[in-house]
Amino acid sequence: KSLDDELDALDKSNVDDELAALKAKMN
């Protein structure tokens, strides 16, 4: 369960980064 949580967190972290980059590009 801990490994899955870490992987989920990792996936979530990548999405946040992409969202932040997209906002910066729009600005």
mmCIF file of all heavy atoms, coordinates in Angstrom:
data_MODEL
# 
_entry.id   MODEL 
# 
loop_
_atom_site.group_PDB 
_atom_site.id 
_atom_site.type_symbol 
_atom_site.label_atom_id 
_atom_site.label_alt_id 
_atom_site.label_comp_id 
_atom_site.label_asym_id 
_atom_site.label_entity_id 
_atom_site.label_seq_id 
_atom_site.pdbx_PDB_ins_code 
_atom_site.Cartn_x 
_atom_site.Cartn_y 
_atom_site.Cartn_z 
_atom_site.occupancy 
_atom_site.B_iso_or_equiv 
_atom_site.pdbx_formal_charge 
_atom_site.auth_seq_id 
_atom_site.auth_comp_id 
_atom_site.auth_asym_id 
_atom_site.auth_atom_id 
_atom_site.pdbx_PDB_model_num 
ATOM 1   N N   . LYS A 1 1  ? 0.828  -1.203 0.000   1.00 0.00 ? 1  LYS A N   1 
ATOM 2   C CA  . LYS A 1 1  ? 0.000  0.000  0.000   1.00 0.00 ? 1  LYS A CA  1 
ATOM 3   C C   . LYS A 1 1  ? 0.866  1.259  0.000   1.00 0.00 ? 1  LYS A C   1 
ATOM 4   O O   . LYS A 1 1  ? 0.578  2.235  -0.669  1.00 0.00 ? 1  LYS A O   1 
ATOM 5   C CB  . LYS A 1 1  ? -0.923 0.001  1.220   1.00 0.00 ? 1  LYS A CB  1 
ATOM 6   C CG  . LYS A 1 1  ? -2.080 -0.977 1.088   1.00 0.00 ? 1  LYS A CG  1 
ATOM 7   C CD  . LYS A 1 1  ? -3.007 -0.860 2.273   1.00 0.00 ? 1  LYS A CD  1 
ATOM 8   C CE  . LYS A 1 1  ? -4.195 -1.805 2.145   1.00 0.00 ? 1  LYS A CE  1 
ATOM 9   N NZ  . LYS A 1 1  ? -5.091 -1.698 3.315   1.00 0.00 ? 1  LYS A NZ  1 
ATOM 10  N N   . SER A 1 2  ? 1.993  1.248  0.723   1.00 0.00 ? 2  SER A N   1 
ATOM 11  C CA  . SER A 1 2  ? 2.873  2.427  0.776   1.00 0.00 ? 2  SER A CA  1 
ATOM 12  C C   . SER A 1 2  ? 3.492  2.692  -0.589  1.00 0.00 ? 2  SER A C   1 
ATOM 13  O O   . SER A 1 2  ? 3.622  3.839  -1.039  1.00 0.00 ? 2  SER A O   1 
ATOM 14  C CB  . SER A 1 2  ? 3.971  2.219  1.819   1.00 0.00 ? 2  SER A CB  1 
ATOM 15  O OG  . SER A 1 2  ? 3.391  2.070  3.097   1.00 0.00 ? 2  SER A OG  1 
ATOM 16  N N   . LEU A 1 3  ? 3.885  1.678  -1.277  1.00 0.00 ? 3  LEU A N   1 
ATOM 17  C CA  . LEU A 1 3  ? 4.476  1.827  -2.601  1.00 0.00 ? 3  LEU A CA  1 
ATOM 18  C C   . LEU A 1 3  ? 3.463  2.418  -3.576  1.00 0.00 ? 3  LEU A C   1 
ATOM 19  O O   . LEU A 1 3  ? 3.791  3.319  -4.362  1.00 0.00 ? 3  LEU A O   1 
ATOM 20  C CB  . LEU A 1 3  ? 4.967  0.466  -3.101  1.00 0.00 ? 3  LEU A CB  1 
ATOM 21  C CG  . LEU A 1 3  ? 5.581  0.441  -4.503  1.00 0.00 ? 3  LEU A CG  1 
ATOM 22  C CD1 . LEU A 1 3  ? 6.807  1.358  -4.566  1.00 0.00 ? 3  LEU A CD1 1 
ATOM 23  C CD2 . LEU A 1 3  ? 5.963  -0.985 -4.892  1.00 0.00 ? 3  LEU A CD2 1 
ATOM 24  N N   . ASP A 1 4  ? 2.243  1.938  -3.524  1.00 0.00 ? 4  ASP A N   1 
ATOM 25  C CA  . ASP A 1 4  ? 1.194  2.477  -4.400  1.00 0.00 ? 4  ASP A CA  1 
ATOM 26  C C   . ASP A 1 4  ? 0.949  3.947  -4.085  1.00 0.00 ? 4  ASP A C   1 
ATOM 27  O O   . ASP A 1 4  ? 0.759  4.766  -4.998  1.00 0.00 ? 4  ASP A O   1 
ATOM 28  C CB  . ASP A 1 4  ? -0.101 1.683  -4.225  1.00 0.00 ? 4  ASP A CB  1 
ATOM 29  C CG  . ASP A 1 4  ? 0.020  0.271  -4.801  1.00 0.00 ? 4  ASP A CG  1 
ATOM 30  O OD1 . ASP A 1 4  ? 0.899  0.057  -5.660  1.00 0.00 ? 4  ASP A OD1 1 
ATOM 31  O OD2 . ASP A 1 4  ? -0.756 -0.629 -4.368  1.00 0.00 ? 4  ASP A OD2 1 
ATOM 32  N N   . ASP A 1 5  ? 0.938  4.267  -2.803  1.00 0.00 ? 5  ASP A N   1 
ATOM 33  C CA  . ASP A 1 5  ? 0.726  5.673  -2.424  1.00 0.00 ? 5  ASP A CA  1 
ATOM 34  C C   . ASP A 1 5  ? 1.836  6.561  -2.971  1.00 0.00 ? 5  ASP A C   1 
ATOM 35  O O   . ASP A 1 5  ? 1.595  7.683  -3.457  1.00 0.00 ? 5  ASP A O   1 
ATOM 36  C CB  . ASP A 1 5  ? 0.650  5.802  -0.898  1.00 0.00 ? 5  ASP A CB  1 
ATOM 37  C CG  . ASP A 1 5  ? -0.622 5.169  -0.346  1.00 0.00 ? 5  ASP A CG  1 
ATOM 38  O OD1 . ASP A 1 5  ? -1.580 4.961  -1.133  1.00 0.00 ? 5  ASP A OD1 1 
ATOM 39  O OD2 . ASP A 1 5  ? -0.655 4.880  0.866   1.00 0.00 ? 5  ASP A OD2 1 
ATOM 40  N N   . GLU A 1 6  ? 3.049  6.066  -2.890  1.00 0.00 ? 6  GLU A N   1 
ATOM 41  C CA  . GLU A 1 6  ? 4.186  6.854  -3.396  1.00 0.00 ? 6  GLU A CA  1 
ATOM 42  C C   . GLU A 1 6  ? 4.080  7.042  -4.902  1.00 0.00 ? 6  GLU A C   1 
ATOM 43  O O   . GLU A 1 6  ? 4.370  8.136  -5.433  1.00 0.00 ? 6  GLU A O   1 
ATOM 44  C CB  . GLU A 1 6  ? 5.497  6.164  -3.045  1.00 0.00 ? 6  GLU A CB  1 
ATOM 45  C CG  . GLU A 1 6  ? 5.808  6.165  -1.542  1.00 0.00 ? 6  GLU A CG  1 
ATOM 46  C CD  . GLU A 1 6  ? 7.096  5.439  -1.246  1.00 0.00 ? 6  GLU A CD  1 
ATOM 47  O OE1 . GLU A 1 6  ? 7.793  5.047  -2.205  1.00 0.00 ? 6  GLU A OE1 1 
ATOM 48  O OE2 . GLU A 1 6  ? 7.414  5.263  -0.052  1.00 0.00 ? 6  GLU A OE2 1 
ATOM 49  N N   . LEU A 1 7  ? 3.703  5.956  -5.599  1.00 0.00 ? 7  LEU A N   1 
ATOM 50  C CA  . LEU A 1 7  ? 3.554  6.062  -7.050  1.00 0.00 ? 7  LEU A CA  1 
ATOM 51  C C   . LEU A 1 7  ? 2.431  7.013  -7.417  1.00 0.00 ? 7  LEU A C   1 
ATOM 52  O O   . LEU A 1 7  ? 2.548  7.813  -8.362  1.00 0.00 ? 7  LEU A O   1 
ATOM 53  C CB  . LEU A 1 7  ? 3.301  4.677  -7.654  1.00 0.00 ? 7  LEU A CB  1 
ATOM 54  C CG  . LEU A 1 7  ? 4.487  3.697  -7.575  1.00 0.00 ? 7  LEU A CG  1 
ATOM 55  C CD1 . LEU A 1 7  ? 4.075  2.325  -8.058  1.00 0.00 ? 7  LEU A CD1 1 
ATOM 56  C CD2 . LEU A 1 7  ? 5.665  4.226  -8.401  1.00 0.00 ? 7  LEU A CD2 1 
ATOM 57  N N   . ASP A 1 8  ? 1.338  6.948  -6.676  1.00 0.00 ? 8  ASP A N   1 
ATOM 58  C CA  . ASP A 1 8  ? 0.226  7.871  -6.923  1.00 0.00 ? 8  ASP A CA  1 
ATOM 59  C C   . ASP A 1 8  ? 0.669  9.316  -6.678  1.00 0.00 ? 8  ASP A C   1 
ATOM 60  O O   . ASP A 1 8  ? 0.311  10.235 -7.433  1.00 0.00 ? 8  ASP A O   1 
ATOM 61  C CB  . ASP A 1 8  ? -0.961 7.522  -6.013  1.00 0.00 ? 8  ASP A CB  1 
ATOM 62  C CG  . ASP A 1 8  ? -1.629 6.227  -6.444  1.00 0.00 ? 8  ASP A CG  1 
ATOM 63  O OD1 . ASP A 1 8  ? -1.397 5.793  -7.589  1.00 0.00 ? 8  ASP A OD1 1 
ATOM 64  O OD2 . ASP A 1 8  ? -2.377 5.620  -5.618  1.00 0.00 ? 8  ASP A OD2 1 
ATOM 65  N N   . ALA A 1 9  ? 1.439  9.469  -5.625  1.00 0.00 ? 9  ALA A N   1 
ATOM 66  C CA  . ALA A 1 9  ? 1.918  10.830 -5.303  1.00 0.00 ? 9  ALA A CA  1 
ATOM 67  C C   . ALA A 1 9  ? 2.847  11.333 -6.404  1.00 0.00 ? 9  ALA A C   1 
ATOM 68  O O   . ALA A 1 9  ? 2.833  12.522 -6.752  1.00 0.00 ? 9  ALA A O   1 
ATOM 69  C CB  . ALA A 1 9  ? 2.631  10.817 -3.951  1.00 0.00 ? 9  ALA A CB  1 
ATOM 70  N N   . LEU A 1 10 ? 3.641  10.377 -6.922  1.00 0.00 ? 10 LEU A N   1 
ATOM 71  C CA  . LEU A 1 10 ? 4.560  10.778 -7.983  1.00 0.00 ? 10 LEU A CA  1 
ATOM 72  C C   . LEU A 1 10 ? 3.795  11.208 -9.224  1.00 0.00 ? 10 LEU A C   1 
ATOM 73  O O   . LEU A 1 10 ? 4.117  12.233 -9.852  1.00 0.00 ? 10 LEU A O   1 
ATOM 74  C CB  . LEU A 1 10 ? 5.496  9.605  -8.308  1.00 0.00 ? 10 LEU A CB  1 
ATOM 75  C CG  . LEU A 1 10 ? 6.524  9.835  -9.414  1.00 0.00 ? 10 LEU A CG  1 
ATOM 76  C CD1 . LEU A 1 10 ? 7.446  11.008 -9.066  1.00 0.00 ? 10 LEU A CD1 1 
ATOM 77  C CD2 . LEU A 1 10 ? 7.338  8.582  -9.667  1.00 0.00 ? 10 LEU A CD2 1 
ATOM 78  N N   . ASP A 1 11 ? 2.803  10.456 -9.583  1.00 0.00 ? 11 ASP A N   1 
ATOM 79  C CA  . ASP A 1 11 ? 1.981  10.818 -10.739 1.00 0.00 ? 11 ASP A CA  1 
ATOM 80  C C   . ASP A 1 11 ? 1.297  12.167 -10.513 1.00 0.00 ? 11 ASP A C   1 
ATOM 81  O O   . ASP A 1 11 ? 1.213  13.011 -11.421 1.00 0.00 ? 11 ASP A O   1 
ATOM 82  C CB  . ASP A 1 11 ? 0.921  9.730  -10.992 1.00 0.00 ? 11 ASP A CB  1 
ATOM 83  C CG  . ASP A 1 11 ? 1.561  8.430  -11.461 1.00 0.00 ? 11 ASP A CG  1 
ATOM 84  O OD1 . ASP A 1 11 ? 2.698  8.485  -11.949 1.00 0.00 ? 11 ASP A OD1 1 
ATOM 85  O OD2 . ASP A 1 11 ? 0.906  7.354  -11.317 1.00 0.00 ? 11 ASP A OD2 1 
ATOM 86  N N   . LYS A 1 12 ? 0.800  12.348 -9.303  1.00 0.00 ? 12 LYS A N   1 
ATOM 87  C CA  . LYS A 1 12 ? 0.128  13.612 -8.983  1.00 0.00 ? 12 LYS A CA  1 
ATOM 88  C C   . LYS A 1 12 ? 1.098  14.794 -9.082  1.00 0.00 ? 12 LYS A C   1 
ATOM 89  O O   . LYS A 1 12 ? 0.755  15.867 -9.556  1.00 0.00 ? 12 LYS A O   1 
ATOM 90  C CB  . LYS A 1 12 ? -0.476 13.506 -7.587  1.00 0.00 ? 12 LYS A CB  1 
ATOM 91  C CG  . LYS A 1 12 ? -1.281 14.739 -7.178  1.00 0.00 ? 12 LYS A CG  1 
ATOM 92  C CD  . LYS A 1 12 ? -1.891 14.555 -5.814  1.00 0.00 ? 12 LYS A CD  1 
ATOM 93  C CE  . LYS A 1 12 ? -2.674 15.803 -5.396  1.00 0.00 ? 12 LYS A CE  1 
ATOM 94  N NZ  . LYS A 1 12 ? -3.256 15.667 -4.051  1.00 0.00 ? 12 LYS A NZ  1 
ATOM 95  N N   . SER A 1 13 ? 2.347  14.547 -8.652  1.00 0.00 ? 13 SER A N   1 
ATOM 96  C CA  . SER A 1 13 ? 3.361  15.619 -8.696  1.00 0.00 ? 13 SER A CA  1 
ATOM 97  C C   . SER A 1 13 ? 3.642  16.051 -10.142 1.00 0.00 ? 13 SER A C   1 
ATOM 98  O O   . SER A 1 13 ? 3.775  17.234 -10.447 1.00 0.00 ? 13 SER A O   1 
ATOM 99  C CB  . SER A 1 13 ? 4.641  15.127 -8.028  1.00 0.00 ? 13 SER A CB  1 
ATOM 100 O OG  . SER A 1 13 ? 5.651  16.110 -8.128  1.00 0.00 ? 13 SER A OG  1 
ATOM 101 N N   . ASN A 1 14 ? 3.696  15.104 -11.079 1.00 0.00 ? 14 ASN A N   1 
ATOM 102 C CA  . ASN A 1 14 ? 3.938  15.432 -12.489 1.00 0.00 ? 14 ASN A CA  1 
ATOM 103 C C   . ASN A 1 14 ? 2.812  16.270 -13.072 1.00 0.00 ? 14 ASN A C   1 
ATOM 104 O O   . ASN A 1 14 ? 3.029  17.199 -13.868 1.00 0.00 ? 14 ASN A O   1 
ATOM 105 C CB  . ASN A 1 14 ? 4.113  14.146 -13.296 1.00 0.00 ? 14 ASN A CB  1 
ATOM 106 C CG  . ASN A 1 14 ? 5.408  13.417 -12.918 1.00 0.00 ? 14 ASN A CG  1 
ATOM 107 O OD1 . ASN A 1 14 ? 6.347  14.067 -12.443 1.00 0.00 ? 14 ASN A OD1 1 
ATOM 108 N ND2 . ASN A 1 14 ? 5.447  12.117 -13.137 1.00 0.00 ? 14 ASN A ND2 1 
ATOM 109 N N   . VAL A 1 15 ? 1.597  15.977 -12.731 1.00 0.00 ? 15 VAL A N   1 
ATOM 110 C CA  . VAL A 1 15 ? 0.443  16.732 -13.225 1.00 0.00 ? 15 VAL A CA  1 
ATOM 111 C C   . VAL A 1 15 ? 0.491  18.181 -12.720 1.00 0.00 ? 15 VAL A C   1 
ATOM 112 O O   . VAL A 1 15 ? 0.231  19.147 -13.465 1.00 0.00 ? 15 VAL A O   1 
ATOM 113 C CB  . VAL A 1 15 ? -0.862 16.052 -12.783 1.00 0.00 ? 15 VAL A CB  1 
ATOM 114 C CG1 . VAL A 1 15 ? -2.064 16.940 -13.101 1.00 0.00 ? 15 VAL A CG1 1 
ATOM 115 C CG2 . VAL A 1 15 ? -1.009 14.697 -13.487 1.00 0.00 ? 15 VAL A CG2 1 
ATOM 116 N N   . ASP A 1 16 ? 0.839  18.338 -11.502 1.00 0.00 ? 16 ASP A N   1 
ATOM 117 C CA  . ASP A 1 16 ? 0.927  19.692 -10.926 1.00 0.00 ? 16 ASP A CA  1 
ATOM 118 C C   . ASP A 1 16 ? 1.993  20.520 -11.650 1.00 0.00 ? 16 ASP A C   1 
ATOM 119 O O   . ASP A 1 16 ? 1.801  21.728 -11.923 1.00 0.00 ? 16 ASP A O   1 
ATOM 120 C CB  . ASP A 1 16 ? 1.248  19.622 -9.428  1.00 0.00 ? 16 ASP A CB  1 
ATOM 121 C CG  . ASP A 1 16 ? 0.062  19.068 -8.627  1.00 0.00 ? 16 ASP A CG  1 
ATOM 122 O OD1 . ASP A 1 16 ? -1.091 19.104 -9.149  1.00 0.00 ? 16 ASP A OD1 1 
ATOM 123 O OD2 . ASP A 1 16 ? 0.281  18.606 -7.473  1.00 0.00 ? 16 ASP A OD2 1 
ATOM 124 N N   . ASP A 1 17 ? 3.090  19.843 -11.953 1.00 0.00 ? 17 ASP A N   1 
ATOM 125 C CA  . ASP A 1 17 ? 4.163  20.561 -12.648 1.00 0.00 ? 17 ASP A CA  1 
ATOM 126 C C   . ASP A 1 17 ? 3.704  21.000 -14.046 1.00 0.00 ? 17 ASP A C   1 
ATOM 127 O O   . ASP A 1 17 ? 3.993  22.136 -14.501 1.00 0.00 ? 17 ASP A O   1 
ATOM 128 C CB  . ASP A 1 17 ? 5.410  19.671 -12.771 1.00 0.00 ? 17 ASP A CB  1 
ATOM 129 C CG  . ASP A 1 17 ? 6.062  19.436 -11.410 1.00 0.00 ? 17 ASP A CG  1 
ATOM 130 O OD1 . ASP A 1 17 ? 5.751  20.214 -10.465 1.00 0.00 ? 17 ASP A OD1 1 
ATOM 131 O OD2 . ASP A 1 17 ? 6.857  18.456 -11.272 1.00 0.00 ? 17 ASP A OD2 1 
ATOM 132 N N   . GLU A 1 18 ? 2.989  20.034 -14.700 1.00 0.00 ? 18 GLU A N   1 
ATOM 133 C CA  . GLU A 1 18 ? 2.514  20.386 -16.042 1.00 0.00 ? 18 GLU A CA  1 
ATOM 134 C C   . GLU A 1 18 ? 1.496  21.519 -15.998 1.00 0.00 ? 18 GLU A C   1 
ATOM 135 O O   . GLU A 1 18 ? 1.484  22.427 -16.891 1.00 0.00 ? 18 GLU A O   1 
ATOM 136 C CB  . GLU A 1 18 ? 1.884  19.147 -16.706 1.00 0.00 ? 18 GLU A CB  1 
ATOM 137 C CG  . GLU A 1 18 ? 2.907  18.075 -17.070 1.00 0.00 ? 18 GLU A CG  1 
ATOM 138 C CD  . GLU A 1 18 ? 2.248  16.888 -17.748 1.00 0.00 ? 18 GLU A CD  1 
ATOM 139 O OE1 . GLU A 1 18 ? 1.020  16.950 -17.997 1.00 0.00 ? 18 GLU A OE1 1 
ATOM 140 O OE2 . GLU A 1 18 ? 2.945  15.885 -18.023 1.00 0.00 ? 18 GLU A OE2 1 
ATOM 141 N N   . LEU A 1 19 ? 0.643  21.495 -14.984 1.00 0.00 ? 19 LEU A N   1 
ATOM 142 C CA  . LEU A 1 19 ? -0.353 22.563 -14.836 1.00 0.00 ? 19 LEU A CA  1 
ATOM 143 C C   . LEU A 1 19 ? 0.327  23.920 -14.594 1.00 0.00 ? 19 LEU A C   1 
ATOM 144 O O   . LEU A 1 19 ? -0.060 24.964 -15.181 1.00 0.00 ? 19 LEU A O   1 
ATOM 145 C CB  . LEU A 1 19 ? -1.305 22.220 -13.667 1.00 0.00 ? 19 LEU A CB  1 
ATOM 146 C CG  . LEU A 1 19 ? -2.430 23.227 -13.399 1.00 0.00 ? 19 LEU A CG  1 
ATOM 147 C CD1 . LEU A 1 19 ? -3.334 23.377 -14.627 1.00 0.00 ? 19 LEU A CD1 1 
ATOM 148 C CD2 . LEU A 1 19 ? -3.249 22.811 -12.180 1.00 0.00 ? 19 LEU A CD2 1 
ATOM 149 N N   . ALA A 1 20 ? 1.330  23.914 -13.776 1.00 0.00 ? 20 ALA A N   1 
ATOM 150 C CA  . ALA A 1 20 ? 2.047  25.168 -13.485 1.00 0.00 ? 20 ALA A CA  1 
ATOM 151 C C   . ALA A 1 20 ? 2.746  25.700 -14.754 1.00 0.00 ? 20 ALA A C   1 
ATOM 152 O O   . ALA A 1 20 ? 2.750  26.912 -15.035 1.00 0.00 ? 20 ALA A O   1 
ATOM 153 C CB  . ALA A 1 20 ? 3.065  24.914 -12.373 1.00 0.00 ? 20 ALA A CB  1 
ATOM 154 N N   . ALA A 1 21 ? 3.293  24.790 -15.535 1.00 0.00 ? 21 ALA A N   1 
ATOM 155 C CA  . ALA A 1 21 ? 3.977  25.219 -16.771 1.00 0.00 ? 21 ALA A CA  1 
ATOM 156 C C   . ALA A 1 21 ? 2.994  25.774 -17.775 1.00 0.00 ? 21 ALA A C   1 
ATOM 157 O O   . ALA A 1 21 ? 3.272  26.769 -18.486 1.00 0.00 ? 21 ALA A O   1 
ATOM 158 C CB  . ALA A 1 21 ? 4.721  24.015 -17.358 1.00 0.00 ? 21 ALA A CB  1 
ATOM 159 N N   . LEU A 1 22 ? 1.794  25.119 -17.830 1.00 0.00 ? 22 LEU A N   1 
ATOM 160 C CA  . LEU A 1 22 ? 0.771  25.599 -18.754 1.00 0.00 ? 22 LEU A CA  1 
ATOM 161 C C   . LEU A 1 22 ? 0.294  27.003 -18.365 1.00 0.00 ? 22 LEU A C   1 
ATOM 162 O O   . LEU A 1 22 ? 0.087  27.875 -19.231 1.00 0.00 ? 22 LEU A O   1 
ATOM 163 C CB  . LEU A 1 22 ? -0.415 24.603 -18.754 1.00 0.00 ? 22 LEU A CB  1 
ATOM 164 C CG  . LEU A 1 22 ? -1.546 24.927 -19.726 1.00 0.00 ? 22 LEU A CG  1 
ATOM 165 C CD1 . LEU A 1 22 ? -1.027 24.997 -21.175 1.00 0.00 ? 22 LEU A CD1 1 
ATOM 166 C CD2 . LEU A 1 22 ? -2.668 23.901 -19.611 1.00 0.00 ? 22 LEU A CD2 1 
ATOM 167 N N   . LYS A 1 23 ? 0.100  27.261 -17.095 1.00 0.00 ? 23 LYS A N   1 
ATOM 168 C CA  . LYS A 1 23 ? -0.312 28.591 -16.617 1.00 0.00 ? 23 LYS A CA  1 
ATOM 169 C C   . LYS A 1 23 ? 0.771  29.648 -16.966 1.00 0.00 ? 23 LYS A C   1 
ATOM 170 O O   . LYS A 1 23 ? 0.434  30.764 -17.384 1.00 0.00 ? 23 LYS A O   1 
ATOM 171 C CB  . LYS A 1 23 ? -0.533 28.560 -15.109 1.00 0.00 ? 23 LYS A CB  1 
ATOM 172 C CG  . LYS A 1 23 ? -1.809 27.847 -14.680 1.00 0.00 ? 23 LYS A CG  1 
ATOM 173 C CD  . LYS A 1 23 ? -1.964 27.901 -13.153 1.00 0.00 ? 23 LYS A CD  1 
ATOM 174 C CE  . LYS A 1 23 ? -3.251 27.237 -12.691 1.00 0.00 ? 23 LYS A CE  1 
ATOM 175 N NZ  . LYS A 1 23 ? -3.385 27.302 -11.239 1.00 0.00 ? 23 LYS A NZ  1 
ATOM 176 N N   . ALA A 1 24 ? 2.019  29.256 -16.785 1.00 0.00 ? 24 ALA A N   1 
ATOM 177 C CA  . ALA A 1 24 ? 3.092  30.207 -17.082 1.00 0.00 ? 24 ALA A CA  1 
ATOM 178 C C   . ALA A 1 24 ? 3.136  30.534 -18.561 1.00 0.00 ? 24 ALA A C   1 
ATOM 179 O O   . ALA A 1 24 ? 3.348  31.713 -18.991 1.00 0.00 ? 24 ALA A O   1 
ATOM 180 C CB  . ALA A 1 24 ? 4.429  29.602 -16.644 1.00 0.00 ? 24 ALA A CB  1 
ATOM 181 N N   . LYS A 1 25 ? 2.880  29.539 -19.373 1.00 0.00 ? 25 LYS A N   1 
ATOM 182 C CA  . LYS A 1 25 ? 2.864  29.779 -20.795 1.00 0.00 ? 25 LYS A CA  1 
ATOM 183 C C   . LYS A 1 25 ? 1.742  30.693 -21.227 1.00 0.00 ? 25 LYS A C   1 
ATOM 184 O O   . LYS A 1 25 ? 1.903  31.590 -22.070 1.00 0.00 ? 25 LYS A O   1 
ATOM 185 C CB  . LYS A 1 25 ? 2.741  28.425 -21.508 1.00 0.00 ? 25 LYS A CB  1 
ATOM 186 C CG  . LYS A 1 25 ? 2.776  28.504 -23.025 1.00 0.00 ? 25 LYS A CG  1 
ATOM 187 C CD  . LYS A 1 25 ? 2.696  27.108 -23.621 1.00 0.00 ? 25 LYS A CD  1 
ATOM 188 C CE  . LYS A 1 25 ? 2.766  27.173 -25.144 1.00 0.00 ? 25 LYS A CE  1 
ATOM 189 N NZ  . LYS A 1 25 ? 2.685  25.830 -25.738 1.00 0.00 ? 25 LYS A NZ  1 
ATOM 190 N N   . MET A 1 26 ? 0.538  30.518 -20.589 1.00 0.00 ? 26 MET A N   1 
ATOM 191 C CA  . MET A 1 26 ? -0.595 31.357 -20.900 1.00 0.00 ? 26 MET A CA  1 
ATOM 192 C C   . MET A 1 26 ? -0.348 32.803 -20.473 1.00 0.00 ? 26 MET A C   1 
ATOM 193 O O   . MET A 1 26 ? -0.679 33.744 -21.180 1.00 0.00 ? 26 MET A O   1 
ATOM 194 C CB  . MET A 1 26 ? -1.887 30.810 -20.216 1.00 0.00 ? 26 MET A CB  1 
ATOM 195 C CG  . MET A 1 26 ? -2.363 29.471 -20.804 1.00 0.00 ? 26 MET A CG  1 
ATOM 196 S SD  . MET A 1 26 ? -3.792 28.787 -19.929 1.00 0.00 ? 26 MET A SD  1 
ATOM 197 C CE  . MET A 1 26 ? -4.999 30.093 -20.249 1.00 0.00 ? 26 MET A CE  1 
ATOM 198 N N   . ASN A 1 27 ? 0.241  32.967 -19.341 1.00 0.00 ? 27 ASN A N   1 
ATOM 199 C CA  . ASN A 1 27 ? 0.538  34.326 -18.853 1.00 0.00 ? 27 ASN A CA  1 
ATOM 200 C C   . ASN A 1 27 ? 1.547  35.025 -19.769 1.00 0.00 ? 27 ASN A C   1 
ATOM 201 O O   . ASN A 1 27 ? 1.462  36.220 -20.023 1.00 0.00 ? 27 ASN A O   1 
ATOM 202 C CB  . ASN A 1 27 ? 1.087  34.250 -17.418 1.00 0.00 ? 27 ASN A CB  1 
ATOM 203 C CG  . ASN A 1 27 ? -0.007 33.833 -16.418 1.00 0.00 ? 27 ASN A CG  1 
ATOM 204 O OD1 . ASN A 1 27 ? -1.199 34.097 -16.672 1.00 0.00 ? 27 ASN A OD1 1 
ATOM 205 N ND2 . ASN A 1 27 ? 0.378  33.225 -15.326 1.00 0.00 ? 27 ASN A ND2 1 
# 
